[in-house]
Protein backbone atom coordinates (compact mmCIF):
# COMPACT_ATOMS: atom_id res chain seq x y z
CA MET A 1 -15.01 3.93 -3.15
CA ILE A 2 -11.76 2.48 -1.89
CA VAL A 3 -8.56 2.57 -3.88
CA ILE A 4 -6.02 0.13 -3.65
CA THR A 5 -2.46 0.04 -5.22
CA GLY A 6 -0.76 -2.88 -5.69
CA ALA A 7 -3.68 -5.06 -6.02
CA SER A 8 -2.70 -7.27 -8.66
CA ASP A 9 -1.48 -9.72 -6.23
CA GLY A 10 -0.28 -10.39 -2.92
CA ILE A 11 -1.61 -7.99 0.22
CA GLY A 12 -3.18 -5.62 -2.21
CA ALA A 13 -5.18 -8.31 -4.00
CA ALA A 14 -6.30 -9.85 -0.51
CA ILE A 15 -7.48 -6.83 0.49
CA ALA A 16 -9.45 -5.90 -2.61
CA ARG A 17 -10.92 -9.46 -2.67
CA ARG A 18 -12.09 -8.90 1.34
CA LEU A 19 -13.23 -5.26 1.14
CA SER A 20 -14.93 -5.77 -2.24
CA LYS A 21 -17.67 -7.90 -0.47
CA ASP A 22 -19.16 -4.64 1.14
CA HIS A 23 -17.66 -1.68 -0.70
CA LYS A 24 -16.87 -0.54 -4.28
CA VAL A 25 -13.27 -1.03 -4.99
CA VAL A 26 -11.07 0.34 -7.61
CA LEU A 27 -7.49 -1.38 -8.35
CA PHE A 28 -4.41 -0.13 -9.23
CA GLY A 29 -1.48 -2.48 -10.75
CA ARG A 30 1.05 -3.04 -13.25
CA ASP A 31 0.44 -6.43 -14.35
CA GLU A 32 -2.88 -6.08 -16.54
CA ASP A 33 -3.61 -9.69 -16.79
CA ARG A 34 -3.20 -10.47 -13.05
CA LEU A 35 -5.08 -7.26 -12.17
CA GLN A 36 -7.86 -7.88 -14.49
CA LYS A 37 -8.57 -11.42 -12.79
CA VAL A 38 -8.40 -9.60 -9.37
CA ALA A 39 -11.12 -7.32 -10.63
CA VAL A 40 -13.38 -10.28 -11.81
CA ASP A 41 -12.92 -12.05 -8.42
CA CYS A 42 -13.81 -8.62 -7.12
CA GLY A 43 -17.23 -8.61 -8.88
CA ASN A 44 -15.90 -6.91 -12.17
CA ALA A 45 -14.39 -4.13 -10.20
CA ASP A 46 -12.89 -1.02 -12.12
CA TYR A 47 -8.90 -1.46 -12.56
CA TYR A 48 -6.12 0.79 -14.32
CA ALA A 49 -3.07 -0.72 -15.34
CA PHE A 50 -0.10 1.29 -14.86
CA ASP A 51 3.15 1.99 -13.43
CA ILE A 52 2.36 4.28 -10.33
CA ASN A 53 5.95 5.94 -10.79
CA ASP A 54 4.54 7.20 -14.11
CA SER A 55 3.00 10.99 -13.22
CA THR A 56 1.57 11.40 -16.47
CA GLU A 57 -0.57 8.02 -16.20
CA ARG A 58 -0.99 8.46 -12.24
CA ASN A 59 -2.63 12.01 -12.72
CA LYS A 60 -4.87 10.82 -15.53
CA VAL A 61 -6.06 8.23 -13.59
CA VAL A 62 -6.52 10.35 -10.32
CA SER A 63 -8.47 12.80 -12.32
CA SER A 64 -11.07 10.24 -13.79
CA LEU A 65 -11.91 9.18 -10.01
CA LYS A 66 -15.08 10.56 -8.13
CA ASN A 67 -16.27 10.02 -4.88
CA VAL A 68 -13.11 8.22 -3.26
CA THR A 69 -13.49 7.88 0.40
CA VAL A 70 -10.62 5.54 1.08
CA LEU A 71 -7.09 5.22 -0.30
CA ILE A 72 -4.65 2.19 0.45
CA ASN A 73 -1.14 2.53 -0.08
CA ASN A 74 0.01 -0.87 -0.77
CA ALA A 75 2.51 -0.66 -3.80
CA GLY A 76 5.75 -1.70 -3.25
CA VAL A 77 8.91 -3.15 -4.45
CA TRP A 78 11.87 -5.14 -2.68
CA HIS A 79 15.43 -5.15 -3.43
CA LYS A 80 17.71 -8.21 -2.90
CA THR A 81 19.30 -8.44 0.51
CA GLY A 82 22.68 -7.29 0.43
CA ASP A 83 25.38 -4.73 1.57
CA LEU A 84 24.46 -1.01 -0.10
CA ASP A 85 27.47 -1.78 -2.68
CA SER A 86 25.56 -4.47 -4.18
CA ILE A 87 22.60 -2.58 -5.11
CA SER A 88 22.28 -0.94 -8.44
CA ASP A 89 21.66 2.88 -8.85
CA ASP A 90 18.53 1.72 -11.07
CA LYS A 91 17.18 -0.48 -8.10
CA ILE A 92 17.61 2.31 -5.56
CA ASN A 93 15.71 4.67 -7.55
CA GLU A 94 12.94 2.06 -8.35
CA VAL A 95 12.50 1.16 -4.79
CA LEU A 96 12.59 4.98 -3.41
CA GLN A 97 10.00 6.03 -6.26
CA THR A 98 7.81 3.13 -5.74
CA ASN A 99 7.80 2.57 -1.74
CA LEU A 100 8.02 6.44 -0.88
CA VAL A 101 7.52 9.29 -3.50
CA SER A 102 4.74 7.80 -5.58
CA GLN A 103 2.70 7.15 -2.52
CA ILE A 104 3.45 10.72 -1.07
CA LEU A 105 2.44 12.21 -4.52
CA LEU A 106 -0.93 9.72 -5.06
CA THR A 107 -1.77 10.99 -1.48
CA LYS A 108 -1.37 14.49 -2.34
CA ALA A 109 -3.50 14.17 -5.70
CA LEU A 110 -6.37 12.29 -3.74
CA LEU A 111 -6.19 14.42 -0.31
CA PRO A 112 -8.48 17.15 -1.65
CA ASN A 113 -11.35 14.56 -1.98
CA LEU A 114 -10.66 12.72 1.26
CA ARG A 115 -9.99 15.27 3.94
CA ASN A 116 -13.38 16.76 4.48
CA LYS A 117 -15.51 13.53 3.94
CA GLU A 118 -16.73 11.74 7.06
CA GLY A 119 -15.53 8.20 7.32
CA SER A 120 -12.66 8.86 4.71
CA ALA A 121 -9.56 6.94 5.62
CA ILE A 122 -5.45 6.67 4.31
CA ILE A 123 -4.21 3.42 5.40
CA ASN A 124 -0.44 2.81 4.55
CA VAL A 125 0.69 -0.81 4.59
CA ILE A 126 4.21 -0.25 5.54
CA SER A 127 6.09 -2.90 6.54
CA LYS A 128 8.18 -3.96 9.93
CA SER A 129 10.92 -2.79 8.39
CA GLY A 130 9.42 0.46 9.01
CA VAL A 131 9.88 0.54 12.64
CA THR A 132 13.04 -2.19 12.98
CA ALA A 133 16.38 -1.98 11.07
CA GLN A 134 17.34 -5.21 9.58
CA GLN A 135 20.34 -6.28 7.91
CA GLY A 136 20.74 -6.22 4.05
CA GLN A 137 17.85 -3.69 3.84
CA THR A 138 19.44 -0.27 3.48
CA VAL A 139 17.32 1.34 0.82
CA TYR A 140 14.35 -0.66 1.56
CA THR A 141 14.24 0.18 5.07
CA ALA A 142 14.91 4.03 4.33
CA SER A 143 12.08 3.93 1.85
CA LYS A 144 9.77 2.48 4.81
CA TYR A 145 11.16 4.59 7.58
CA GLY A 146 10.44 7.61 5.34
CA ILE A 147 6.63 6.49 4.54
CA ARG A 148 6.37 6.33 8.27
CA GLY A 149 7.32 9.54 8.97
CA PHE A 150 5.15 10.62 6.07
CA THR A 151 2.26 8.85 7.66
CA ASP A 152 2.79 10.07 11.29
CA VAL A 153 3.02 13.87 10.33
CA LEU A 154 0.06 13.30 7.64
CA ARG A 155 -1.97 12.21 10.60
CA ILE A 156 -0.97 15.23 12.66
CA ASP A 157 -1.82 17.76 9.46
CA THR A 158 -5.26 16.36 9.31
CA LYS A 159 -6.37 16.09 12.95
CA ASP A 160 -8.68 18.89 12.55
CA ASP A 161 -10.34 16.84 9.30
CA PRO A 162 -12.60 14.09 9.65
CA ILE A 163 -9.96 11.98 7.49
CA ARG A 164 -8.29 9.06 9.38
CA ILE A 165 -4.64 7.78 8.92
CA GLY A 166 -3.55 4.62 9.33
CA ALA A 167 -0.86 2.38 9.31
CA VAL A 168 0.21 -1.39 9.19
CA TYR A 169 3.67 -2.49 9.94
CA GLN A 170 3.56 -6.10 9.11
CA SER A 171 6.38 -8.78 9.19
CA GLY A 172 7.48 -10.80 5.94
CA THR A 173 4.40 -12.19 3.92
CA ASN A 174 4.14 -14.97 1.78
CA THR A 175 3.64 -13.10 -1.47
CA ASP A 176 6.10 -13.13 -5.13
CA MET A 177 7.72 -9.93 -3.93
CA PHE A 178 10.84 -11.43 -2.87
CA ARG A 179 10.94 -13.87 -5.73
CA LYS A 180 10.49 -10.89 -8.03
CA ALA A 181 13.60 -9.43 -6.77
CA GLY A 182 15.71 -12.51 -7.05
CA GLU A 183 15.59 -13.98 -3.47
CA ASP A 184 15.24 -17.59 -3.04
CA PHE A 185 14.38 -18.17 0.48
CA PRO A 186 11.00 -19.79 1.61
CA THR A 187 8.04 -17.68 2.49
CA ASP A 188 5.47 -20.27 3.07
CA THR A 189 5.90 -19.65 6.91
CA PHE A 190 5.43 -16.14 6.46
CA THR A 191 2.15 -14.00 7.35
CA GLU A 192 -0.37 -14.91 4.70
CA PRO A 193 -1.84 -11.98 2.82
CA GLU A 194 -5.51 -12.94 3.74
CA ASP A 195 -4.76 -12.55 7.50
CA LEU A 196 -3.56 -8.82 6.66
CA ALA A 197 -6.58 -7.98 4.60
CA ASP A 198 -8.63 -9.22 7.69
CA VAL A 199 -6.55 -6.76 9.69
CA VAL A 200 -7.13 -3.70 7.39
CA THR A 201 -10.94 -4.51 6.88
CA PHE A 202 -10.89 -4.42 10.94
CA MET A 203 -9.26 -1.10 10.91
CA LEU A 204 -11.54 0.29 8.59
CA SER A 205 -14.69 -1.03 10.32
CA ARG A 206 -13.94 0.97 13.55
CA PRO A 207 -15.65 3.87 14.43
CA LYS A 208 -13.99 7.47 14.26
CA ASN A 209 -13.90 7.67 18.22
CA LEU A 210 -12.23 3.92 18.21
CA TRP A 211 -9.87 4.94 15.23
CA ILE A 212 -6.83 2.45 14.92
CA ASN A 213 -3.76 4.78 14.22
CA GLU A 214 -1.30 1.66 13.35
CA VAL A 215 -1.33 -2.18 13.82
CA ARG A 216 2.03 -4.23 13.89
CA VAL A 217 1.63 -7.21 12.82
CA GLU A 218 4.49 -9.83 13.93
CA LYS A 219 4.76 -13.55 13.31
């Protein structure tokens, strides 16, 4: 069973559709209408519509899941580019909670089910902003540098277990994430979500002795 967060649209939805061809997928997302449509595309996959930052709901969902073998942390939000003093305190908290804290807590909750299973994996879809500082992205970059560090240390801490830890550092992707944050720049020349879905599928198809720790996707 593969759990995919942020699966109602964009990269998460593309990953879900791609992996559902060969695996049972479980979808997490906030937009129930969109999530339901993706679930239908995935052969009526199970889905849970909730805010991943809501600890009560998150723990309730996790406790109901059995036989999880793969976790793909993909949920994320963007803040409109600009100097730090242009970003509201609420937006700072939302970005850090969604992109970093909630992913750490979800991983912690599922880790006992994953770390001793052969073929298990955690893949964090992080962003180029986790390795490259870019103007106007102070808080977003902080969240992505944070999840990068978390991923690297988790890989070290689980090196004696069969679980595999991977990361994807993608450049700008053609999704609604930027529009939702109020950006108005064109994204049609960005990387397509379906191409990133192929990357994640390829990573998961590798035998354990050929596991790919990270992939950097530039366009």
